[in-house]
Amino acid sequence: MSDPTEVAGEVLRWHVERRRFESFAAQFGIGDVSAAYNVQDVVVRRRSEDSGARPVGYKIGLTSPRMQQMCGVDFPLSGVVLDNLVYRSGATVALSHFVRLGIEFEVAVRIGRDMEPAILPTTPTAVREFVDAICPAIELIDDRDADYTNGLDALSLIADNSWNAGIVLGEFQNTYPDPGDLAADVSLNGEPIDHGNSREALGHPFVPVLWLAKHLVSRGKTLHRGDVILTGSIVRTRFAKAGERYRLSLEGLGGVEVAITP
């Protein structure tokens, strides 16, 4: 495989040049998931150094059957969220900052205590002891006009930090209903456009959290207190246009909104 630093440099250059996303893992000899995450680590570190931003959490992608079918990838993957890309509900984002902006609708989890390897939970139910609060959330992705026709190359997607381009958070709730069965409603400019349920995220949003905790431990990392995790879109991605306002409402948790400008 090519040096991860060299590959990361190419990925970052493609973003600056606003090049269309195309699979690149085979070109650089990225042959497995571990190698793809090695590239992602460098991409995130370089972005952090260049912007002065720090990692504040993670996005987990492809946790629902609808999203796996859309992308042609049948396992979850993760990316890192930097603090300069965290917005509050009601935020406005400009299309000009993206090649193609996708909007995804999710349950966000805030970690309340470190998930050290020695005390790593073993079941989704046990994850609850490590969760401080949850809220409705929207993920902003930039797929750079990727072609989904024949499925996506998961290794290239991982190396490109799983396309994370920001998150929009609702109000975190410390007291909340079981997040495993919450009705979700998505509206566009006040009109309903989609419905889902929080169980779409691998059956329960705490399942992806447990997956992420184990994944990080396998790479010598840890989920820390205060980390925010987006657990995966529970309906299909929407590709935004100027003048649109999206809202996700989650049963018992309230809502989160984002507006789109040119």
C-alpha atoms as a PDB file:
ATOM      1  CA  MET A   1       0.000   0.000   0.000  1.00  0.00           C
ATOM      2  CA  SER A   2       1.072   3.583  -0.620  1.00  0.00           C
ATOM      3  CA  ASP A   3       2.095   5.660   2.390  1.00  0.00           C
ATOM      4  CA  PRO A   4      -1.101   6.779   4.231  1.00  0.00           C
ATOM      5  CA  THR A   5       0.283  10.316   4.412  1.00  0.00           C
ATOM      6  CA  GLU A   6       0.644  10.471   0.633  1.00  0.00           C
ATOM      7  CA  VAL A   7      -2.852   9.075   0.073  1.00  0.00           C
ATOM      8  CA  ALA A   8      -4.338  11.506   2.589  1.00  0.00           C
ATOM      9  CA  GLY A   9      -2.616  14.363   0.781  1.00  0.00           C
ATOM     10  CA  GLU A  10      -4.284  13.312  -2.462  1.00  0.00           C
ATOM     11  CA  VAL A  11      -7.700  13.040  -0.784  1.00  0.00           C
ATOM     12  CA  LEU A  12      -7.363  16.530   0.684  1.00  0.00           C
ATOM     13  CA  ARG A  13      -6.228  17.920  -2.678  1.00  0.00           C
ATOM     14  CA  TRP A  14      -9.303  16.442  -4.376  1.00  0.00           C
ATOM     15  CA  HIS A  15     -11.488  18.250  -1.866  1.00  0.00           C
ATOM     16  CA  VAL A  16      -9.758  21.570  -2.529  1.00  0.00           C
ATOM     17  CA  GLU A  17     -10.159  21.016  -6.271  1.00  0.00           C
ATOM     18  CA  ARG A  18     -13.812  19.955  -5.737  1.00  0.00           C
ATOM     19  CA  ARG A  19     -13.208  16.830  -7.763  1.00  0.00           C
ATOM     20  CA  ARG A  20     -15.985  14.292  -8.131  1.00  0.00           C
ATOM     21  CA  PHE A  21     -15.686  11.368  -5.729  1.00  0.00           C
ATOM     22  CA  GLU A  22     -14.397   8.220  -7.403  1.00  0.00           C
ATOM     23  CA  SER A  23     -13.158   4.995  -5.839  1.00  0.00           C
ATOM     24  CA  PHE A  24      -9.433   5.171  -5.191  1.00  0.00           C
ATOM     25  CA  ALA A  25      -8.626   2.383  -2.725  1.00  0.00           C
ATOM     26  CA  ALA A  26      -7.397  -0.078  -5.362  1.00  0.00           C
ATOM     27  CA  GLN A  27      -5.268   2.606  -7.025  1.00  0.00           C
ATOM     28  CA  PHE A  28      -3.320   3.114  -3.795  1.00  0.00           C
ATOM     29  CA  GLY A  29      -3.324  -0.493  -2.638  1.00  0.00           C
ATOM     30  CA  ILE A  30      -5.733   0.058   0.260  1.00  0.00           C
ATOM     31  CA  GLY A  31      -6.700  -3.565   0.660  1.00  0.00           C
ATOM     32  CA  ASP A  32      -8.557  -3.747   3.945  1.00  0.00           C
ATOM     33  CA  VAL A  33     -10.564  -1.756   6.475  1.00  0.00           C
ATOM     34  CA  SER A  34      -7.596  -1.182   8.774  1.00  0.00           C
ATOM     35  CA  ALA A  35      -5.559   0.389   5.972  1.00  0.00           C
ATOM     36  CA  ALA A  36      -8.505   2.619   5.048  1.00  0.00           C
ATOM     37  CA  TYR A  37      -8.794   3.891   8.622  1.00  0.00           C
ATOM     38  CA  ASN A  38      -5.046   4.552   8.652  1.00  0.00           C
ATOM     39  CA  VAL A  39      -5.590   6.990   5.798  1.00  0.00           C
ATOM     40  CA  GLN A  40      -8.615   8.487   7.540  1.00  0.00           C
ATOM     41  CA  ASP A  41      -6.506   9.142  10.646  1.00  0.00           C
ATOM     42  CA  VAL A  42      -4.089  11.242   8.597  1.00  0.00           C
ATOM     43  CA  VAL A  43      -6.886  13.083   6.762  1.00  0.00           C
ATOM     44  CA  VAL A  44      -8.466  14.043  10.099  1.00  0.00           C
ATOM     45  CA  ARG A  45      -5.145  15.026  11.664  1.00  0.00           C
ATOM     46  CA  ARG A  46      -4.238  17.240   8.697  1.00  0.00           C
ATOM     47  CA  ARG A  47      -7.637  18.939   8.743  1.00  0.00           C
ATOM     48  CA  SER A  48      -7.325  19.506  12.471  1.00  0.00           C
ATOM     49  CA  GLU A  49      -3.847  21.005  12.104  1.00  0.00           C
ATOM     50  CA  ASP A  50      -4.868  23.214   9.197  1.00  0.00           C
ATOM     51  CA  SER A  51      -8.016  24.582  10.849  1.00  0.00           C
ATOM     52  CA  GLY A  52      -7.105  24.510  14.536  1.00  0.00           C
ATOM     53  CA  ALA A  53     -10.242  22.429  15.127  1.00  0.00           C
ATOM     54  CA  ARG A  54     -10.295  19.472  17.473  1.00  0.00           C
ATOM     55  CA  PRO A  55     -12.165  16.156  17.290  1.00  0.00           C
ATOM     56  CA  VAL A  56     -15.359  16.155  19.353  1.00  0.00           C
ATOM     57  CA  GLY A  57     -17.012  12.937  18.270  1.00  0.00           C
ATOM     58  CA  TYR A  58     -17.872  10.524  15.509  1.00  0.00           C
ATOM     59  CA  LYS A  59     -20.394   9.790  12.807  1.00  0.00           C
ATOM     60  CA  ILE A  60     -21.440   6.214  12.162  1.00  0.00           C
ATOM     61  CA  GLY A  61     -22.716   5.502   8.690  1.00  0.00           C
ATOM     62  CA  LEU A  62     -24.678   2.769   6.956  1.00  0.00           C
ATOM     63  CA  THR A  63     -26.490   1.439  10.015  1.00  0.00           C
ATOM     64  CA  SER A  64     -29.923   1.117   8.401  1.00  0.00           C
ATOM     65  CA  PRO A  65     -31.126  -1.258   5.670  1.00  0.00           C
ATOM     66  CA  ARG A  66     -32.269   1.688   3.550  1.00  0.00           C
ATOM     67  CA  MET A  67     -28.874   3.363   3.665  1.00  0.00           C
ATOM     68  CA  GLN A  68     -26.974   0.108   3.080  1.00  0.00           C
ATOM     69  CA  GLN A  69     -29.146  -0.589   0.060  1.00  0.00           C
ATOM     70  CA  MET A  70     -28.652   2.941  -1.256  1.00  0.00           C
ATOM     71  CA  CYS A  71     -24.859   2.725  -0.994  1.00  0.00           C
ATOM     72  CA  GLY A  72     -24.349  -0.963  -1.720  1.00  0.00           C
ATOM     73  CA  VAL A  73     -22.344  -1.489   1.483  1.00  0.00           C
ATOM     74  CA  ASP A  74     -23.562  -3.965   4.098  1.00  0.00           C
ATOM     75  CA  PHE A  75     -21.563  -2.974   7.186  1.00  0.00           C
ATOM     76  CA  PRO A  76     -21.231   0.188   9.283  1.00  0.00           C
ATOM     77  CA  LEU A  77     -18.337   2.597   9.092  1.00  0.00           C
ATOM     78  CA  SER A  78     -17.249   5.666  11.024  1.00  0.00           C
ATOM     79  CA  GLY A  79     -15.729   9.093  10.605  1.00  0.00           C
ATOM     80  CA  VAL A  80     -14.463  11.810  12.926  1.00  0.00           C
ATOM     81  CA  VAL A  81     -16.333  15.076  13.624  1.00  0.00           C
ATOM     82  CA  LEU A  82     -14.330  18.282  14.224  1.00  0.00           C
ATOM     83  CA  ASP A  83     -15.635  21.064  16.458  1.00  0.00           C
ATOM     84  CA  ASN A  84     -15.606  23.700  13.716  1.00  0.00           C
ATOM     85  CA  LEU A  85     -18.307  21.706  11.925  1.00  0.00           C
ATOM     86  CA  VAL A  86     -20.784  21.422  14.801  1.00  0.00           C
ATOM     87  CA  TYR A  87     -23.933  23.533  14.469  1.00  0.00           C
ATOM     88  CA  ARG A  88     -27.031  24.070  16.588  1.00  0.00           C
ATOM     89  CA  SER A  89     -30.596  23.533  15.421  1.00  0.00           C
ATOM     90  CA  GLY A  90     -31.752  26.370  13.193  1.00  0.00           C
ATOM     91  CA  ALA A  91     -28.345  26.765  11.568  1.00  0.00           C
ATOM     92  CA  THR A  92     -28.016  27.932   7.983  1.00  0.00           C
ATOM     93  CA  VAL A  93     -25.475  26.309   5.687  1.00  0.00           C
ATOM     94  CA  ALA A  94     -24.448  27.387   2.191  1.00  0.00           C
ATOM     95  CA  LEU A  95     -24.484  25.019  -0.776  1.00  0.00           C
ATOM     96  CA  SER A  96     -21.399  26.758  -2.114  1.00  0.00           C
ATOM     97  CA  HIS A  97     -19.342  25.108   0.643  1.00  0.00           C
ATOM     98  CA  PHE A  98     -20.065  21.654  -0.754  1.00  0.00           C
ATOM     99  CA  VAL A  99     -19.764  19.830  -4.045  1.00  0.00           C
ATOM    100  CA  ARG A 100     -23.065  18.059  -3.319  1.00  0.00           C
ATOM    101  CA  LEU A 101     -24.670  18.443   0.085  1.00  0.00           C
ATOM    102  CA  GLY A 102     -26.512  15.475   1.531  1.00  0.00           C
ATOM    103  CA  ILE A 103     -28.793  15.704   4.576  1.00  0.00           C
ATOM    104  CA  GLU A 104     -29.114  12.705   6.903  1.00  0.00           C
ATOM    105  CA  PHE A 105     -31.442  12.287   9.875  1.00  0.00           C
ATOM    106  CA  GLU A 106     -30.224  10.599  13.044  1.00  0.00           C
ATOM    107  CA  VAL A 107     -30.202  10.050  16.787  1.00  0.00           C
ATOM    108  CA  ALA A 108     -27.164  11.634  18.468  1.00  0.00           C
ATOM    109  CA  VAL A 109     -25.667  10.260  21.685  1.00  0.00           C
ATOM    110  CA  ARG A 110     -23.419  12.129  24.122  1.00  0.00           C
ATOM    111  CA  ILE A 111     -21.071   9.943  26.159  1.00  0.00           C
ATOM    112  CA  GLY A 112     -21.105  10.490  29.936  1.00  0.00           C
ATOM    113  CA  ARG A 113     -18.060   8.454  30.989  1.00  0.00           C
ATOM    114  CA  ASP A 114     -14.987   7.036  29.280  1.00  0.00           C
ATOM    115  CA  MET A 115     -15.419   3.602  27.721  1.00  0.00           C
ATOM    116  CA  GLU A 116     -12.056   2.240  28.772  1.00  0.00           C
ATOM    117  CA  PRO A 117     -11.233  -1.239  27.410  1.00  0.00           C
ATOM    118  CA  ALA A 118     -11.369  -2.779  30.897  1.00  0.00           C
ATOM    119  CA  ILE A 119     -14.980  -1.663  31.404  1.00  0.00           C
ATOM    120  CA  LEU A 120     -16.234  -1.777  27.831  1.00  0.00           C
ATOM    121  CA  PRO A 121     -19.954  -2.647  27.785  1.00  0.00           C
ATOM    122  CA  THR A 122     -20.805  -5.995  26.259  1.00  0.00           C
ATOM    123  CA  THR A 123     -24.450  -5.388  25.341  1.00  0.00           C
ATOM    124  CA  PRO A 124     -26.462  -2.463  23.952  1.00  0.00           C
ATOM    125  CA  THR A 125     -28.399  -2.353  27.227  1.00  0.00           C
ATOM    126  CA  ALA A 126     -25.145  -1.861  29.142  1.00  0.00           C
ATOM    127  CA  VAL A 127     -24.266   1.081  26.867  1.00  0.00           C
ATOM    128  CA  ARG A 128     -26.965   3.077  28.672  1.00  0.00           C
ATOM    129  CA  GLU A 129     -24.682   3.387  31.723  1.00  0.00           C
ATOM    130  CA  PHE A 130     -22.195   5.334  29.595  1.00  0.00           C
ATOM    131  CA  VAL A 131     -24.687   7.673  27.901  1.00  0.00           C
ATOM    132  CA  ASP A 132     -25.214  11.147  29.298  1.00  0.00           C
ATOM    133  CA  ALA A 133     -27.894  12.393  26.885  1.00  0.00           C
ATOM    134  CA  ILE A 134     -29.414  11.979  23.428  1.00  0.00           C
ATOM    135  CA  CYS A 135     -30.961  14.322  20.876  1.00  0.00           C
ATOM    136  CA  PRO A 136     -32.249  14.498  17.311  1.00  0.00           C
ATOM    137  CA  ALA A 137     -29.487  15.351  14.838  1.00  0.00           C
ATOM    138  CA  ILE A 138     -28.795  16.029  11.194  1.00  0.00           C
ATOM    139  CA  GLU A 139     -25.550  15.047   9.524  1.00  0.00           C
ATOM    140  CA  LEU A 140     -24.188  17.074   6.633  1.00  0.00           C
ATOM    141  CA  ILE A 141     -22.315  14.947   4.135  1.00  0.00           C
ATOM    142  CA  ASP A 142     -20.461  15.918   0.979  1.00  0.00           C
ATOM    143  CA  ASP A 143     -20.498  12.963  -1.388  1.00  0.00           C
ATOM    144  CA  ARG A 144     -18.870  15.093  -4.125  1.00  0.00           C
ATOM    145  CA  ASP A 145     -21.450  13.915  -6.654  1.00  0.00           C
ATOM    146  CA  ALA A 146     -20.592  10.235  -6.212  1.00  0.00           C
ATOM    147  CA  ASP A 147     -22.184   7.685  -8.517  1.00  0.00           C
ATOM    148  CA  TYR A 148     -24.241   5.149  -6.529  1.00  0.00           C
ATOM    149  CA  THR A 149     -25.234   3.063  -9.549  1.00  0.00           C
ATOM    150  CA  ASN A 150     -23.039   0.041  -8.834  1.00  0.00           C
ATOM    151  CA  GLY A 151     -22.575   0.597  -5.105  1.00  0.00           C
ATOM    152  CA  LEU A 152     -19.818   2.501  -3.364  1.00  0.00           C
ATOM    153  CA  ASP A 153     -16.334   1.325  -2.498  1.00  0.00           C
ATOM    154  CA  ALA A 154     -16.379   1.167   1.300  1.00  0.00           C
ATOM    155  CA  LEU A 155     -12.595   1.423   1.668  1.00  0.00           C
ATOM    156  CA  SER A 156     -12.452   4.651  -0.338  1.00  0.00           C
ATOM    157  CA  LEU A 157     -15.391   6.026   1.621  1.00  0.00           C
ATOM    158  CA  ILE A 158     -13.730   5.246   4.972  1.00  0.00           C
ATOM    159  CA  ALA A 159     -10.430   6.783   3.890  1.00  0.00           C
ATOM    160  CA  ASP A 160     -12.321   9.964   2.939  1.00  0.00           C
ATOM    161  CA  ASN A 161     -13.539  10.279   6.565  1.00  0.00           C
ATOM    162  CA  SER A 162     -16.864   8.723   5.605  1.00  0.00           C
ATOM    163  CA  TRP A 163     -17.878  11.993   3.922  1.00  0.00           C
ATOM    164  CA  ASN A 164     -18.603  13.855   7.156  1.00  0.00           C
ATOM    165  CA  ALA A 165     -18.999  17.585   6.490  1.00  0.00           C
ATOM    166  CA  GLY A 166     -20.679  18.658   9.713  1.00  0.00           C
ATOM    167  CA  ILE A 167     -23.448  17.905  12.196  1.00  0.00           C
ATOM    168  CA  VAL A 168     -26.479  19.864  13.403  1.00  0.00           C
ATOM    169  CA  LEU A 169     -27.642  19.082  16.930  1.00  0.00           C
ATOM    170  CA  GLY A 170     -30.984  19.515  18.656  1.00  0.00           C
ATOM    171  CA  GLU A 171     -31.291  19.966  22.414  1.00  0.00           C
ATOM    172  CA  PHE A 172     -29.718  17.108  24.355  1.00  0.00           C
ATOM    173  CA  GLN A 173     -32.077  15.404  26.819  1.00  0.00           C
ATOM    174  CA  ASN A 174     -30.744  13.714  29.956  1.00  0.00           C
ATOM    175  CA  THR A 175     -34.107  12.053  30.574  1.00  0.00           C
ATOM    176  CA  TYR A 176     -35.557  10.317  27.551  1.00  0.00           C
ATOM    177  CA  PRO A 177     -37.714   7.386  26.404  1.00  0.00           C
ATOM    178  CA  ASP A 178     -36.123   4.159  25.215  1.00  0.00           C
ATOM    179  CA  PRO A 179     -34.362   5.307  22.032  1.00  0.00           C
ATOM    180  CA  GLY A 180     -34.898   1.903  20.447  1.00  0.00           C
ATOM    181  CA  ASP A 181     -38.420   2.663  19.252  1.00  0.00           C
ATOM    182  CA  LEU A 182     -38.929   6.364  18.501  1.00  0.00           C
ATOM    183  CA  ALA A 183     -41.057   7.484  15.573  1.00  0.00           C
ATOM    184  CA  ALA A 184     -39.180   9.843  13.241  1.00  0.00           C
ATOM    185  CA  ASP A 185     -40.764  12.381  10.898  1.00  0.00           C
ATOM    186  CA  VAL A 186     -38.865  14.385   8.290  1.00  0.00           C
ATOM    187  CA  SER A 187     -40.282  17.547   6.746  1.00  0.00           C
ATOM    188  CA  LEU A 188     -39.139  19.846   3.957  1.00  0.00           C
ATOM    189  CA  ASN A 189     -40.294  23.458   4.159  1.00  0.00           C
ATOM    190  CA  GLY A 190     -42.974  22.370   6.600  1.00  0.00           C
ATOM    191  CA  GLU A 191     -44.343  19.499   4.493  1.00  0.00           C
ATOM    192  CA  PRO A 192     -43.854  15.821   5.492  1.00  0.00           C
ATOM    193  CA  ILE A 193     -41.540  13.947   3.139  1.00  0.00           C
ATOM    194  CA  ASP A 194     -40.460  10.801   5.003  1.00  0.00           C
ATOM    195  CA  HIS A 195     -41.030   8.681   8.101  1.00  0.00           C
ATOM    196  CA  GLY A 196     -38.850   6.237   9.963  1.00  0.00           C
ATOM    197  CA  ASN A 197     -38.020   4.827  13.360  1.00  0.00           C
ATOM    198  CA  SER A 198     -34.925   4.963  15.529  1.00  0.00           C
ATOM    199  CA  ARG A 199     -34.725   1.152  15.451  1.00  0.00           C
ATOM    200  CA  GLU A 200     -33.525   1.463  11.839  1.00  0.00           C
ATOM    201  CA  ALA A 201     -30.040   2.057  13.296  1.00  0.00           C
ATOM    202  CA  LEU A 202     -29.057  -1.609  13.637  1.00  0.00           C
ATOM    203  CA  GLY A 203     -32.174  -2.287  15.717  1.00  0.00           C
ATOM    204  CA  HIS A 204     -31.344   0.266  18.430  1.00  0.00           C
ATOM    205  CA  PRO A 205     -29.089   3.379  18.378  1.00  0.00           C
ATOM    206  CA  PHE A 206     -26.986   1.955  21.211  1.00  0.00           C
ATOM    207  CA  VAL A 207     -25.951  -0.947  18.944  1.00  0.00           C
ATOM    208  CA  PRO A 208     -23.888   1.338  16.667  1.00  0.00           C
ATOM    209  CA  VAL A 209     -22.439   3.024  19.760  1.00  0.00           C
ATOM    210  CA  LEU A 210     -21.255  -0.363  21.017  1.00  0.00           C
ATOM    211  CA  TRP A 211     -19.883  -1.194  17.572  1.00  0.00           C
ATOM    212  CA  LEU A 212     -17.947   2.092  17.551  1.00  0.00           C
ATOM    213  CA  ALA A 213     -16.554   1.566  21.046  1.00  0.00           C
ATOM    214  CA  LYS A 214     -15.217  -1.872  20.077  1.00  0.00           C
ATOM    215  CA  HIS A 215     -13.890  -0.568  16.763  1.00  0.00           C
ATOM    216  CA  LEU A 216     -11.958   2.214  18.499  1.00  0.00           C
ATOM    217  CA  VAL A 217     -10.506  -0.152  21.093  1.00  0.00           C
ATOM    218  CA  SER A 218      -9.296  -2.376  18.250  1.00  0.00           C
ATOM    219  CA  ARG A 219      -7.340   0.642  17.009  1.00  0.00           C
ATOM    220  CA  GLY A 220      -5.950   1.614  20.412  1.00  0.00           C
ATOM    221  CA  LYS A 221      -8.476   4.406  20.965  1.00  0.00           C
ATOM    222  CA  THR A 222     -11.286   5.107  23.437  1.00  0.00           C
ATOM    223  CA  LEU A 223     -14.656   6.800  23.500  1.00  0.00           C
ATOM    224  CA  HIS A 224     -14.380   9.658  25.987  1.00  0.00           C
ATOM    225  CA  ARG A 225     -16.766  11.591  28.179  1.00  0.00           C
ATOM    226  CA  GLY A 226     -18.318  14.377  26.143  1.00  0.00           C
ATOM    227  CA  ASP A 227     -17.888  12.673  22.773  1.00  0.00           C
ATOM    228  CA  VAL A 228     -20.915  13.100  20.521  1.00  0.00           C
ATOM    229  CA  ILE A 229     -21.873  10.207  18.260  1.00  0.00           C
ATOM    230  CA  LEU A 230     -24.283  10.270  15.349  1.00  0.00           C
ATOM    231  CA  THR A 231     -25.672   6.747  15.122  1.00  0.00           C
ATOM    232  CA  GLY A 232     -26.645   6.575  11.457  1.00  0.00           C
ATOM    233  CA  SER A 233     -29.393   7.907   9.227  1.00  0.00           C
ATOM    234  CA  ILE A 234     -32.779   6.295   9.846  1.00  0.00           C
ATOM    235  CA  VAL A 235     -34.220   7.425   6.489  1.00  0.00           C
ATOM    236  CA  ARG A 236     -32.621   7.893   3.083  1.00  0.00           C
ATOM    237  CA  THR A 237     -30.280  10.777   2.384  1.00  0.00           C
ATOM    238  CA  ARG A 238     -31.791  13.912   0.862  1.00  0.00           C
ATOM    239  CA  PHE A 239     -29.706  16.057  -1.486  1.00  0.00           C
ATOM    240  CA  ALA A 240     -30.291  19.682  -0.625  1.00  0.00           C
ATOM    241  CA  LYS A 241     -31.205  22.675  -2.764  1.00  0.00           C
ATOM    242  CA  ALA A 242     -31.069  26.366  -1.946  1.00  0.00           C
ATOM    243  CA  GLY A 243     -34.164  27.660  -0.186  1.00  0.00           C
ATOM    244  CA  GLU A 244     -34.922  24.373   1.551  1.00  0.00           C
ATOM    245  CA  ARG A 245     -35.410  23.898   5.289  1.00  0.00           C
ATOM    246  CA  TYR A 246     -35.271  20.388   6.701  1.00  0.00           C
ATOM    247  CA  ARG A 247     -36.611  19.271  10.059  1.00  0.00           C
ATOM    248  CA  LEU A 248     -36.314  15.952  11.859  1.00  0.00           C
ATOM    249  CA  SER A 249     -38.776  15.329  14.687  1.00  0.00           C
ATOM    250  CA  LEU A 250     -38.147  12.411  17.040  1.00  0.00           C
ATOM    251  CA  GLU A 251     -40.896  11.133  19.297  1.00  0.00           C
ATOM    252  CA  GLY A 252     -40.313  12.364  22.848  1.00  0.00           C
ATOM    253  CA  LEU A 253     -37.103  14.232  21.928  1.00  0.00           C
ATOM    254  CA  GLY A 254     -38.211  17.265  19.950  1.00  0.00           C
ATOM    255  CA  GLY A 255     -36.683  18.301  16.676  1.00  0.00           C
ATOM    256  CA  VAL A 256     -33.692  19.684  14.814  1.00  0.00           C
ATOM    257  CA  GLU A 257     -33.665  21.980  11.768  1.00  0.00           C
ATOM    258  CA  VAL A 258     -31.258  23.217   9.131  1.00  0.00           C
ATOM    259  CA  ALA A 259     -31.777  25.789   6.371  1.00  0.00           C
ATOM    260  CA  ILE A 260     -29.986  25.804   3.037  1.00  0.00           C
ATOM    261  CA  THR A 261     -28.793  28.917   1.178  1.00  0.00           C
ATOM    262  CA  PRO A 262     -26.944  29.280  -2.132  1.00  0.00           C
END
